[in-house]
Amino acid sequence: MKIVNKNISQILVHILFWMLFVFVSLFLFSDFYWKENPFLQYVVLLVAIVYINNFFLLPFFVKNKLYAVYVFVFAGISFLATQLYCYAFAKCGCSVFKCLSDYLWQSLVPLIFFSFIWVLYRFIDEQEEVEKVKKEHAEMELKFLKSQINPHVLFNNLNTIYSYSIEKPNETPELILMLSDNLKHVLYESNEKTISLEKEIQFIDNYIKFQTIRTEGVKQIYYNKNIDSFNHQIAPLLLITIIENAFKHSTLNSDIMVNINVEKWVLRFTCENDFDKQKVTSTDLKIGLQNLEKRLELIYKDTYKFKLEKDDTFKVILILNL
């Protein structure tokens, strides 16, 4: 559709220019009547010159970057076309310089105008191609970043189920069902650009349940939600990186606080935990948060705020326009 619209716009520009050019040439700068005006015959030749220039000369010289040579060719074509009009069509019998001063504009104006139009549309095509490449690169990068998240989430869940199958086998079936929901989310729903907020929150609920069971007696978890509506869309697996880092890098016998607030299309997410300062500088923590920032920049650009605070606790704050 975009290509069709662009082609139609080019055709309209060409038609309107030729109509205006003929009108101006005949009624404002000519003493001849329509039927005896040699310019009307010359227009046919001028159209041929213009489109030979557009379809053959310009693409050839621009492709080979022979810009200086093209300027000389362009000047030569304009000069010869003007002389041809003077002596073959108008038969004015004037000198070369008189001919150029009176009629050169008729050759130059369409050549310059349509050369400019050709360059303009070529520039537009190149920009569209650049945007297409950027978009494809962004999509590939997002897929790569998500592929780094998915195995890690599942690995933690499987570890929890394994430990419970040994220690508390009666509770294992419920955990398997929760894992099944999370698997579905990761394998299918996370491939979408955005998903419903309700599905993402359910995924986080399941993950925190797993962690609550796994860290029972070792870490205290405070998980609070205040969501005015689930009729929102969000990029999948966006918050889980922060929550995972909180569990992975928090110290033993510490508190982990996760707060999700959604009000008037704005998500405010905070995750806070005690931390070991040596672990905060670890490579895997940095990579996880760097990947998250890349995803935020690729998907949400200027509609988010991401902040880290490292005082007595390690705190991550994310504000996002849904």
C-alpha atoms as a PDB file:
ATOM      1  CA  MET A   1       0.000   0.000   0.000  1.00  0.00           C
ATOM      2  CA  LYS A   2       2.819   2.405   0.861  1.00  0.00           C
ATOM      3  CA  ILE A   3       4.538   1.669  -2.486  1.00  0.00           C
ATOM      4  CA  VAL A   4       1.277   2.271  -4.389  1.00  0.00           C
ATOM      5  CA  ASN A   5       0.702   5.594  -2.628  1.00  0.00           C
ATOM      6  CA  LYS A   6       4.260   6.674  -3.376  1.00  0.00           C
ATOM      7  CA  ASN A   7       3.918   5.778  -7.071  1.00  0.00           C
ATOM      8  CA  ILE A   8       0.623   7.652  -7.340  1.00  0.00           C
ATOM      9  CA  SER A   9       2.170  10.726  -5.719  1.00  0.00           C
ATOM     10  CA  GLN A  10       5.063  10.633  -8.203  1.00  0.00           C
ATOM     11  CA  ILE A  11       2.688  10.367 -11.163  1.00  0.00           C
ATOM     12  CA  LEU A  12       0.612  13.297  -9.881  1.00  0.00           C
ATOM     13  CA  VAL A  13       3.732  15.425  -9.384  1.00  0.00           C
ATOM     14  CA  HIS A  14       4.851  14.712 -12.950  1.00  0.00           C
ATOM     15  CA  ILE A  15       1.438  15.445 -14.491  1.00  0.00           C
ATOM     16  CA  LEU A  16       0.938  18.666 -12.520  1.00  0.00           C
ATOM     17  CA  PHE A  17       4.415  19.921 -13.375  1.00  0.00           C
ATOM     18  CA  TRP A  18       4.025  19.379 -17.127  1.00  0.00           C
ATOM     19  CA  MET A  19       0.602  21.054 -17.121  1.00  0.00           C
ATOM     20  CA  LEU A  20       1.951  24.067 -15.237  1.00  0.00           C
ATOM     21  CA  PHE A  21       5.128  24.202 -17.333  1.00  0.00           C
ATOM     22  CA  VAL A  22       3.219  24.201 -20.641  1.00  0.00           C
ATOM     23  CA  PHE A  23       0.751  26.783 -19.346  1.00  0.00           C
ATOM     24  CA  VAL A  24       3.479  29.165 -18.175  1.00  0.00           C
ATOM     25  CA  SER A  25       5.511  28.708 -21.380  1.00  0.00           C
ATOM     26  CA  LEU A  26       2.537  29.381 -23.667  1.00  0.00           C
ATOM     27  CA  PHE A  27       0.655  32.126 -21.869  1.00  0.00           C
ATOM     28  CA  LEU A  28       3.286  34.077 -19.968  1.00  0.00           C
ATOM     29  CA  PHE A  29       6.476  33.802 -22.030  1.00  0.00           C
ATOM     30  CA  SER A  30       5.297  33.319 -25.585  1.00  0.00           C
ATOM     31  CA  ASP A  31       3.997  35.530 -28.404  1.00  0.00           C
ATOM     32  CA  PHE A  32       2.919  32.533 -30.487  1.00  0.00           C
ATOM     33  CA  TYR A  33      -0.610  31.149 -30.684  1.00  0.00           C
ATOM     34  CA  TRP A  34      -1.321  27.536 -29.745  1.00  0.00           C
ATOM     35  CA  LYS A  35      -1.508  26.122 -33.251  1.00  0.00           C
ATOM     36  CA  GLU A  36       1.647  27.810 -34.498  1.00  0.00           C
ATOM     37  CA  ASN A  37       3.752  27.538 -31.370  1.00  0.00           C
ATOM     38  CA  PRO A  38       6.906  25.437 -31.979  1.00  0.00           C
ATOM     39  CA  PHE A  39       7.254  24.944 -28.216  1.00  0.00           C
ATOM     40  CA  LEU A  40       4.426  22.373 -28.274  1.00  0.00           C
ATOM     41  CA  GLN A  41       6.485  20.274 -30.677  1.00  0.00           C
ATOM     42  CA  TYR A  42       9.592  20.790 -28.587  1.00  0.00           C
ATOM     43  CA  VAL A  43       7.795  19.575 -25.429  1.00  0.00           C
ATOM     44  CA  VAL A  44       7.708  16.035 -26.870  1.00  0.00           C
ATOM     45  CA  LEU A  45      11.486  16.085 -27.301  1.00  0.00           C
ATOM     46  CA  LEU A  46      11.917  17.695 -23.879  1.00  0.00           C
ATOM     47  CA  VAL A  47       9.842  14.947 -22.224  1.00  0.00           C
ATOM     48  CA  ALA A  48      12.076  12.336 -23.882  1.00  0.00           C
ATOM     49  CA  ILE A  49      15.243  14.130 -22.656  1.00  0.00           C
ATOM     50  CA  VAL A  50      13.894  14.444 -19.096  1.00  0.00           C
ATOM     51  CA  TYR A  51      12.979  10.763 -18.743  1.00  0.00           C
ATOM     52  CA  ILE A  52      16.163   9.510 -20.392  1.00  0.00           C
ATOM     53  CA  ASN A  53      17.941  11.579 -17.763  1.00  0.00           C
ATOM     54  CA  ASN A  54      15.785  10.158 -14.947  1.00  0.00           C
ATOM     55  CA  PHE A  55      15.819   6.508 -15.952  1.00  0.00           C
ATOM     56  CA  PHE A  56      19.321   6.126 -17.383  1.00  0.00           C
ATOM     57  CA  LEU A  57      21.736   9.018 -16.865  1.00  0.00           C
ATOM     58  CA  LEU A  58      21.033   9.924 -13.229  1.00  0.00           C
ATOM     59  CA  PRO A  59      21.000   6.321 -11.915  1.00  0.00           C
ATOM     60  CA  PHE A  60      24.224   5.515 -13.834  1.00  0.00           C
ATOM     61  CA  PHE A  61      26.241   8.543 -12.710  1.00  0.00           C
ATOM     62  CA  VAL A  62      24.976   8.462  -9.109  1.00  0.00           C
ATOM     63  CA  LYS A  63      25.622   4.724  -8.809  1.00  0.00           C
ATOM     64  CA  ASN A  64      29.207   5.207 -10.034  1.00  0.00           C
ATOM     65  CA  LYS A  65      29.601   8.465  -8.050  1.00  0.00           C
ATOM     66  CA  LEU A  66      30.607  10.402 -11.182  1.00  0.00           C
ATOM     67  CA  TYR A  67      29.025  13.622  -9.958  1.00  0.00           C
ATOM     68  CA  ALA A  68      31.437  16.041 -11.652  1.00  0.00           C
ATOM     69  CA  VAL A  69      31.071  14.227 -14.979  1.00  0.00           C
ATOM     70  CA  TYR A  70      27.283  14.335 -14.644  1.00  0.00           C
ATOM     71  CA  VAL A  71      27.358  18.117 -14.172  1.00  0.00           C
ATOM     72  CA  PHE A  72      29.182  18.489 -17.508  1.00  0.00           C
ATOM     73  CA  VAL A  73      26.811  16.048 -19.232  1.00  0.00           C
ATOM     74  CA  PHE A  74      23.821  17.883 -17.731  1.00  0.00           C
ATOM     75  CA  ALA A  75      25.154  21.244 -18.932  1.00  0.00           C
ATOM     76  CA  GLY A  76      25.875  19.804 -22.399  1.00  0.00           C
ATOM     77  CA  ILE A  77      22.365  18.365 -22.738  1.00  0.00           C
ATOM     78  CA  SER A  78      20.795  21.676 -21.667  1.00  0.00           C
ATOM     79  CA  PHE A  79      22.946  23.647 -24.138  1.00  0.00           C
ATOM     80  CA  LEU A  80      22.270  21.332 -27.093  1.00  0.00           C
ATOM     81  CA  ALA A  81      18.530  21.122 -26.333  1.00  0.00           C
ATOM     82  CA  THR A  82      18.294  24.918 -26.245  1.00  0.00           C
ATOM     83  CA  GLN A  83      20.179  25.320 -29.515  1.00  0.00           C
ATOM     84  CA  LEU A  84      17.955  22.692 -31.102  1.00  0.00           C
ATOM     85  CA  TYR A  85      14.862  24.604 -30.018  1.00  0.00           C
ATOM     86  CA  CYS A  86      16.197  27.896 -31.365  1.00  0.00           C
ATOM     87  CA  TYR A  87      17.361  26.716 -34.776  1.00  0.00           C
ATOM     88  CA  ALA A  88      15.168  23.679 -35.518  1.00  0.00           C
ATOM     89  CA  PHE A  89      11.833  24.582 -33.912  1.00  0.00           C
ATOM     90  CA  ALA A  90      11.572  28.347 -33.325  1.00  0.00           C
ATOM     91  CA  LYS A  91      13.991  29.208 -36.191  1.00  0.00           C
ATOM     92  CA  CYS A  92      14.639  32.556 -34.569  1.00  0.00           C
ATOM     93  CA  GLY A  93      17.998  33.111 -36.304  1.00  0.00           C
ATOM     94  CA  CYS A  94      19.401  34.707 -33.157  1.00  0.00           C
ATOM     95  CA  SER A  95      22.929  34.373 -31.842  1.00  0.00           C
ATOM     96  CA  VAL A  96      24.012  31.580 -29.517  1.00  0.00           C
ATOM     97  CA  PHE A  97      24.077  33.868 -26.473  1.00  0.00           C
ATOM     98  CA  LYS A  98      20.714  35.448 -27.345  1.00  0.00           C
ATOM     99  CA  CYS A  99      19.260  31.977 -27.729  1.00  0.00           C
ATOM    100  CA  LEU A 100      20.591  30.893 -24.347  1.00  0.00           C
ATOM    101  CA  SER A 101      19.347  34.018 -22.565  1.00  0.00           C
ATOM    102  CA  ASP A 102      15.840  33.677 -24.033  1.00  0.00           C
ATOM    103  CA  TYR A 103      15.228  29.933 -24.105  1.00  0.00           C
ATOM    104  CA  LEU A 104      17.701  28.129 -21.830  1.00  0.00           C
ATOM    105  CA  TRP A 105      15.239  28.205 -18.938  1.00  0.00           C
ATOM    106  CA  GLN A 106      12.786  26.058 -20.897  1.00  0.00           C
ATOM    107  CA  SER A 107      15.337  23.241 -21.020  1.00  0.00           C
ATOM    108  CA  LEU A 108      16.789  23.753 -17.556  1.00  0.00           C
ATOM    109  CA  VAL A 109      13.594  24.015 -15.494  1.00  0.00           C
ATOM    110  CA  PRO A 110      12.170  20.508 -16.194  1.00  0.00           C
ATOM    111  CA  LEU A 111      15.621  18.895 -16.098  1.00  0.00           C
ATOM    112  CA  ILE A 112      16.490  20.460 -12.746  1.00  0.00           C
ATOM    113  CA  PHE A 113      13.019  19.895 -11.288  1.00  0.00           C
ATOM    114  CA  PHE A 114      12.781  16.213 -12.194  1.00  0.00           C
ATOM    115  CA  SER A 115      16.395  15.585 -11.175  1.00  0.00           C
ATOM    116  CA  PHE A 116      15.519  17.017  -7.779  1.00  0.00           C
ATOM    117  CA  ILE A 117      12.379  14.858  -7.604  1.00  0.00           C
ATOM    118  CA  TRP A 118      14.423  11.771  -8.497  1.00  0.00           C
ATOM    119  CA  VAL A 119      16.975  12.540  -5.757  1.00  0.00           C
ATOM    120  CA  LEU A 120      14.198  13.261  -3.246  1.00  0.00           C
ATOM    121  CA  TYR A 121      12.364   9.973  -3.826  1.00  0.00           C
ATOM    122  CA  ARG A 122      15.645   8.068  -3.843  1.00  0.00           C
ATOM    123  CA  PHE A 123      16.450   9.586  -0.459  1.00  0.00           C
ATOM    124  CA  ILE A 124      12.981   8.591   0.816  1.00  0.00           C
ATOM    125  CA  ASP A 125      13.516   5.018  -0.428  1.00  0.00           C
ATOM    126  CA  GLU A 126      16.900   4.828   1.300  1.00  0.00           C
ATOM    127  CA  GLN A 127      15.428   6.128   4.565  1.00  0.00           C
ATOM    128  CA  GLU A 128      12.645   3.552   4.381  1.00  0.00           C
ATOM    129  CA  GLU A 129      15.235   0.842   3.788  1.00  0.00           C
ATOM    130  CA  VAL A 130      17.272   2.065   6.767  1.00  0.00           C
ATOM    131  CA  GLU A 131      14.151   2.039   8.958  1.00  0.00           C
ATOM    132  CA  LYS A 132      13.293  -1.455   7.743  1.00  0.00           C
ATOM    133  CA  VAL A 133      16.800  -2.702   8.613  1.00  0.00           C
ATOM    134  CA  LYS A 134      16.627  -1.008  12.021  1.00  0.00           C
ATOM    135  CA  LYS A 135      13.258  -2.598  12.706  1.00  0.00           C
ATOM    136  CA  GLU A 136      14.487  -6.053  11.682  1.00  0.00           C
ATOM    137  CA  HIS A 137      17.604  -5.591  13.822  1.00  0.00           C
ATOM    138  CA  ALA A 138      15.491  -4.495  16.791  1.00  0.00           C
ATOM    139  CA  GLU A 139      13.208  -7.519  16.409  1.00  0.00           C
ATOM    140  CA  MET A 140      16.202  -9.872  16.207  1.00  0.00           C
ATOM    141  CA  GLU A 141      17.771  -8.263  19.269  1.00  0.00           C
ATOM    142  CA  LEU A 142      14.519  -8.564  21.209  1.00  0.00           C
ATOM    143  CA  LYS A 143      14.274 -12.251  20.335  1.00  0.00           C
ATOM    144  CA  PHE A 144      17.864 -12.754  21.452  1.00  0.00           C
ATOM    145  CA  LEU A 145      17.295 -10.926  24.734  1.00  0.00           C
ATOM    146  CA  LYS A 146      14.152 -12.927  25.454  1.00  0.00           C
ATOM    147  CA  SER A 147      15.964 -16.172  24.660  1.00  0.00           C
ATOM    148  CA  GLN A 148      18.422 -15.261  27.415  1.00  0.00           C
ATOM    149  CA  ILE A 149      15.561 -14.839  29.883  1.00  0.00           C
ATOM    150  CA  ASN A 150      13.445 -17.894  29.125  1.00  0.00           C
ATOM    151  CA  PRO A 151      15.854 -20.756  30.046  1.00  0.00           C
ATOM    152  CA  HIS A 152      16.820 -19.043  33.279  1.00  0.00           C
ATOM    153  CA  VAL A 153      13.210 -18.737  34.466  1.00  0.00           C
ATOM    154  CA  LEU A 154      12.434 -22.357  33.650  1.00  0.00           C
ATOM    155  CA  PHE A 155      15.654 -23.608  35.204  1.00  0.00           C
ATOM    156  CA  ASN A 156      14.762 -22.041  38.561  1.00  0.00           C
ATOM    157  CA  ASN A 157      11.252 -23.488  38.461  1.00  0.00           C
ATOM    158  CA  LEU A 158      12.521 -26.976  37.634  1.00  0.00           C
ATOM    159  CA  ASN A 159      14.973 -26.818  40.517  1.00  0.00           C
ATOM    160  CA  THR A 160      12.119 -26.007  42.888  1.00  0.00           C
ATOM    161  CA  ILE A 161       9.998 -28.900  41.642  1.00  0.00           C
ATOM    162  CA  TYR A 162      12.943 -31.278  41.909  1.00  0.00           C
ATOM    163  CA  SER A 163      13.640 -30.350  45.511  1.00  0.00           C
ATOM    164  CA  TYR A 164       9.959 -30.654  46.451  1.00  0.00           C
ATOM    165  CA  SER A 165       9.591 -34.016  44.740  1.00  0.00           C
ATOM    166  CA  ILE A 166      12.107 -35.261  47.308  1.00  0.00           C
ATOM    167  CA  GLU A 167      11.111 -33.299  50.409  1.00  0.00           C
ATOM    168  CA  LYS A 168       7.359 -32.706  49.928  1.00  0.00           C
ATOM    169  CA  PRO A 169       6.052 -34.969  47.161  1.00  0.00           C
ATOM    170  CA  ASN A 170       2.389 -34.211  48.007  1.00  0.00           C
ATOM    171  CA  GLU A 171       2.810 -30.602  46.934  1.00  0.00           C
ATOM    172  CA  THR A 172       4.575 -31.441  43.688  1.00  0.00           C
ATOM    173  CA  PRO A 173       1.452 -31.777  41.444  1.00  0.00           C
ATOM    174  CA  GLU A 174       0.379 -28.188  42.143  1.00  0.00           C
ATOM    175  CA  LEU A 175       3.859 -26.960  41.307  1.00  0.00           C
ATOM    176  CA  ILE A 176       3.824 -28.919  38.039  1.00  0.00           C
ATOM    177  CA  LEU A 177       0.546 -27.233  37.048  1.00  0.00           C
ATOM    178  CA  MET A 178       2.030 -23.840  37.840  1.00  0.00           C
ATOM    179  CA  LEU A 179       5.084 -24.716  35.788  1.00  0.00           C
ATOM    180  CA  SER A 180       2.806 -25.782  32.921  1.00  0.00           C
ATOM    181  CA  ASP A 181       1.187 -22.332  32.940  1.00  0.00           C
ATOM    182  CA  ASN A 182       4.578 -20.656  32.983  1.00  0.00           C
ATOM    183  CA  LEU A 183       5.837 -22.872  30.163  1.00  0.00           C
ATOM    184  CA  LYS A 184       2.864 -21.889  28.029  1.00  0.00           C
ATOM    185  CA  HIS A 185       3.541 -18.245  28.772  1.00  0.00           C
ATOM    186  CA  VAL A 186       7.238 -18.483  27.917  1.00  0.00           C
ATOM    187  CA  LEU A 187       6.966 -20.687  24.832  1.00  0.00           C
ATOM    188  CA  TYR A 188       3.919 -19.169  23.172  1.00  0.00           C
ATOM    189  CA  GLU A 189       2.694 -15.900  24.651  1.00  0.00           C
ATOM    190  CA  SER A 190       6.144 -14.334  25.074  1.00  0.00           C
ATOM    191  CA  ASN A 191       6.653 -14.385  21.286  1.00  0.00           C
ATOM    192  CA  GLU A 192       4.071 -11.628  20.939  1.00  0.00           C
ATOM    193  CA  LYS A 193       5.183  -8.006  20.930  1.00  0.00           C
ATOM    194  CA  THR A 194       2.785  -7.279  23.788  1.00  0.00           C
ATOM    195  CA  ILE A 195       0.434  -9.410  25.850  1.00  0.00           C
ATOM    196  CA  SER A 196      -2.325  -8.676  28.338  1.00  0.00           C
ATOM    197  CA  LEU A 197      -1.184  -7.379  31.698  1.00  0.00           C
ATOM    198  CA  GLU A 198      -3.295 -10.045  33.377  1.00  0.00           C
ATOM    199  CA  LYS A 199      -1.283 -12.887  31.807  1.00  0.00           C
ATOM    200  CA  GLU A 200       2.029 -11.263  32.733  1.00  0.00           C
ATOM    201  CA  ILE A 201       0.926 -10.719  36.333  1.00  0.00           C
ATOM    202  CA  GLN A 202      -0.237 -14.325  36.559  1.00  0.00           C
ATOM    203  CA  PHE A 203       3.209 -15.432  35.369  1.00  0.00           C
ATOM    204  CA  ILE A 204       4.840 -13.292  38.071  1.00  0.00           C
ATOM    205  CA  ASP A 205       2.398 -14.639  40.687  1.00  0.00           C
ATOM    206  CA  ASN A 206       3.410 -18.201  39.823  1.00  0.00           C
ATOM    207  CA  TYR A 207       7.091 -17.351  39.872  1.00  0.00           C
ATOM    208  CA  ILE A 208       6.868 -15.700  43.291  1.00  0.00           C
ATOM    209  CA  LYS A 209       4.906 -18.697  44.617  1.00  0.00           C
ATOM    210  CA  PHE A 210       7.733 -20.924  43.458  1.00  0.00           C
ATOM    211  CA  GLN A 211      10.274 -18.717  45.153  1.00  0.00           C
ATOM    212  CA  THR A 212       8.239 -18.408  48.345  1.00  0.00           C
ATOM    213  CA  ILE A 213       8.213 -22.194  48.614  1.00  0.00           C
ATOM    214  CA  ARG A 214      11.860 -22.540  47.658  1.00  0.00           C
ATOM    215  CA  THR A 215      13.167 -19.866  50.078  1.00  0.00           C
ATOM    216  CA  GLU A 216      10.840 -20.672  52.968  1.00  0.00           C
ATOM    217  CA  GLY A 217      12.598 -19.959  56.254  1.00  0.00           C
ATOM    218  CA  VAL A 218      15.496 -18.298  54.419  1.00  0.00           C
ATOM    219  CA  LYS A 219      13.971 -15.163  52.918  1.00  0.00           C
ATOM    220  CA  GLN A 220      10.855 -13.137  53.702  1.00  0.00           C
ATOM    221  CA  ILE A 221       8.863 -12.040  50.647  1.00  0.00           C
ATOM    222  CA  TYR A 222       6.463  -9.082  50.597  1.00  0.00           C
ATOM    223  CA  TYR A 223       4.502  -9.016  47.368  1.00  0.00           C
ATOM    224  CA  ASN A 224       1.907  -6.275  46.859  1.00  0.00           C
ATOM    225  CA  LYS A 225      -0.289  -5.489  43.857  1.00  0.00           C
ATOM    226  CA  ASN A 226      -2.595  -2.540  43.261  1.00  0.00           C
ATOM    227  CA  ILE A 227      -3.988  -2.669  39.730  1.00  0.00           C
ATOM    228  CA  ASP A 228      -6.922  -0.495  38.673  1.00  0.00           C
ATOM    229  CA  SER A 229      -7.532  -2.463  35.464  1.00  0.00           C
ATOM    230  CA  PHE A 230      -6.103  -5.438  33.612  1.00  0.00           C
ATOM    231  CA  ASN A 231      -7.166  -3.957  30.268  1.00  0.00           C
ATOM    232  CA  HIS A 232      -3.584  -3.045  29.443  1.00  0.00           C
ATOM    233  CA  GLN A 233      -0.875  -4.486  27.239  1.00  0.00           C
ATOM    234  CA  ILE A 234       2.750  -4.961  28.270  1.00  0.00           C
ATOM    235  CA  ALA A 235       5.890  -6.445  26.742  1.00  0.00           C
ATOM    236  CA  PRO A 236       6.231 -10.047  27.970  1.00  0.00           C
ATOM    237  CA  LEU A 237       8.904 -11.114  30.489  1.00  0.00           C
ATOM    238  CA  LEU A 238       9.782  -7.513  31.219  1.00  0.00           C
ATOM    239  CA  LEU A 239       9.644  -7.455  35.029  1.00  0.00           C
ATOM    240  CA  ILE A 240      10.825 -10.973  35.713  1.00  0.00           C
ATOM    241  CA  THR A 241      14.514 -10.081  35.244  1.00  0.00           C
ATOM    242  CA  ILE A 242      14.359  -7.622  38.153  1.00  0.00           C
ATOM    243  CA  ILE A 243      12.512 -10.057  40.392  1.00  0.00           C
ATOM    244  CA  GLU A 244      14.906 -12.893  39.552  1.00  0.00           C
ATOM    245  CA  ASN A 245      17.902 -10.700  40.393  1.00  0.00           C
ATOM    246  CA  ALA A 246      16.339  -9.835  43.745  1.00  0.00           C
ATOM    247  CA  PHE A 247      16.088 -13.522  44.695  1.00  0.00           C
ATOM    248  CA  LYS A 248      19.430 -14.492  43.220  1.00  0.00           C
ATOM    249  CA  HIS A 249      21.545 -11.695  44.697  1.00  0.00           C
ATOM    250  CA  SER A 250      19.798 -11.011  48.015  1.00  0.00           C
ATOM    251  CA  THR A 251      21.521 -12.160  51.195  1.00  0.00           C
ATOM    252  CA  LEU A 252      20.307 -14.965  53.430  1.00  0.00           C
ATOM    253  CA  ASN A 253      17.695 -14.175  56.097  1.00  0.00           C
ATOM    254  CA  SER A 254      16.733 -10.988  54.268  1.00  0.00           C
ATOM    255  CA  ASP A 255      13.552  -9.322  53.037  1.00  0.00           C
ATOM    256  CA  ILE A 256      12.462  -8.999  49.420  1.00  0.00           C
ATOM    257  CA  MET A 257       9.774  -6.427  48.583  1.00  0.00           C
ATOM    258  CA  VAL A 258       7.987  -6.429  45.230  1.00  0.00           C
ATOM    259  CA  ASN A 259       5.346  -3.768  44.527  1.00  0.00           C
ATOM    260  CA  ILE A 260       3.308  -3.470  41.351  1.00  0.00           C
ATOM    261  CA  ASN A 261       1.011  -0.477  40.990  1.00  0.00           C
ATOM    262  CA  VAL A 262      -1.024   0.255  37.873  1.00  0.00           C
ATOM    263  CA  GLU A 263      -3.088   3.420  37.810  1.00  0.00           C
ATOM    264  CA  LYS A 264      -4.335   5.507  34.886  1.00  0.00           C
ATOM    265  CA  TRP A 265      -2.262   3.633  32.281  1.00  0.00           C
ATOM    266  CA  VAL A 266       0.957   4.034  34.263  1.00  0.00           C
ATOM    267  CA  LEU A 267       2.797   1.072  35.785  1.00  0.00           C
ATOM    268  CA  ARG A 268       4.987   1.764  38.812  1.00  0.00           C
ATOM    269  CA  PHE A 269       7.132  -1.189  39.760  1.00  0.00           C
ATOM    270  CA  THR A 270       9.615  -1.367  42.605  1.00  0.00           C
ATOM    271  CA  CYS A 271      11.716  -4.284  43.758  1.00  0.00           C
ATOM    272  CA  GLU A 272      13.888  -3.970  46.863  1.00  0.00           C
ATOM    273  CA  ASN A 273      16.190  -6.422  48.609  1.00  0.00           C
ATOM    274  CA  ASP A 274      19.159  -6.613  50.970  1.00  0.00           C
ATOM    275  CA  PHE A 275      22.350  -7.208  49.065  1.00  0.00           C
ATOM    276  CA  ASP A 276      25.975  -8.142  49.236  1.00  0.00           C
ATOM    277  CA  LYS A 277      27.962  -5.267  47.715  1.00  0.00           C
ATOM    278  CA  GLN A 278      30.377  -7.663  46.062  1.00  0.00           C
ATOM    279  CA  LYS A 279      27.515  -9.423  44.253  1.00  0.00           C
ATOM    280  CA  VAL A 280      26.022  -6.153  43.017  1.00  0.00           C
ATOM    281  CA  THR A 281      29.064  -5.679  40.815  1.00  0.00           C
ATOM    282  CA  SER A 282      28.923  -9.245  39.475  1.00  0.00           C
ATOM    283  CA  THR A 283      28.785  -9.791  35.716  1.00  0.00           C
ATOM    284  CA  ASP A 284      25.523 -11.755  35.560  1.00  0.00           C
ATOM    285  CA  LEU A 285      23.621  -9.054  37.475  1.00  0.00           C
ATOM    286  CA  LYS A 286      24.956  -6.355  35.170  1.00  0.00           C
ATOM    287  CA  ILE A 287      24.109  -8.358  32.050  1.00  0.00           C
ATOM    288  CA  GLY A 288      20.539  -8.977  33.234  1.00  0.00           C
ATOM    289  CA  LEU A 289      19.842  -5.317  33.950  1.00  0.00           C
ATOM    290  CA  GLN A 290      21.630  -4.168  30.787  1.00  0.00           C
ATOM    291  CA  ASN A 291      19.485  -6.524  28.723  1.00  0.00           C
ATOM    292  CA  LEU A 292      16.389  -5.158  30.424  1.00  0.00           C
ATOM    293  CA  GLU A 293      17.396  -1.581  29.616  1.00  0.00           C
ATOM    294  CA  LYS A 294      17.990  -2.542  25.989  1.00  0.00           C
ATOM    295  CA  ARG A 295      14.514  -4.054  25.785  1.00  0.00           C
ATOM    296  CA  LEU A 296      12.967  -0.984  27.376  1.00  0.00           C
ATOM    297  CA  GLU A 297      14.775   1.299  24.942  1.00  0.00           C
ATOM    298  CA  LEU A 298      13.802  -0.815  21.934  1.00  0.00           C
ATOM    299  CA  ILE A 299      10.132  -1.146  22.876  1.00  0.00           C
ATOM    300  CA  TYR A 300       9.228   1.903  24.957  1.00  0.00           C
ATOM    301  CA  LYS A 301      11.904   4.465  24.030  1.00  0.00           C
ATOM    302  CA  ASP A 302      11.035   7.729  25.842  1.00  0.00           C
ATOM    303  CA  THR A 303       7.963   6.448  27.698  1.00  0.00           C
ATOM    304  CA  TYR A 304       9.714   4.866  30.664  1.00  0.00           C
ATOM    305  CA  LYS A 305      11.965   5.665  33.637  1.00  0.00           C
ATOM    306  CA  PHE A 306      14.419   3.101  34.958  1.00  0.00           C
ATOM    307  CA  LYS A 307      16.392   3.776  38.128  1.00  0.00           C
ATOM    308  CA  LEU A 308      18.727   1.836  40.427  1.00  0.00           C
ATOM    309  CA  GLU A 309      19.360   2.791  44.064  1.00  0.00           C
ATOM    310  CA  LYS A 310      22.180   1.199  46.056  1.00  0.00           C
ATOM    311  CA  ASP A 311      21.989   2.499  49.600  1.00  0.00           C
ATOM    312  CA  ASP A 312      21.216   0.183  52.513  1.00  0.00           C
ATOM    313  CA  THR A 313      19.204  -1.947  50.091  1.00  0.00           C
ATOM    314  CA  PHE A 314      19.335  -2.615  46.365  1.00  0.00           C
ATOM    315  CA  LYS A 315      16.252  -1.006  44.828  1.00  0.00           C
ATOM    316  CA  VAL A 316      15.042  -1.038  41.251  1.00  0.00           C
ATOM    317  CA  ILE A 317      12.351   1.411  40.157  1.00  0.00           C
ATOM    318  CA  LEU A 318      10.549   1.182  36.830  1.00  0.00           C
ATOM    319  CA  ILE A 319       7.827   3.593  35.694  1.00  0.00           C
ATOM    320  CA  LEU A 320       6.212   2.679  32.408  1.00  0.00           C
ATOM    321  CA  ASN A 321       3.464   4.156  30.248  1.00  0.00           C
ATOM    322  CA  LEU A 322       1.369   1.204  29.134  1.00  0.00           C
END
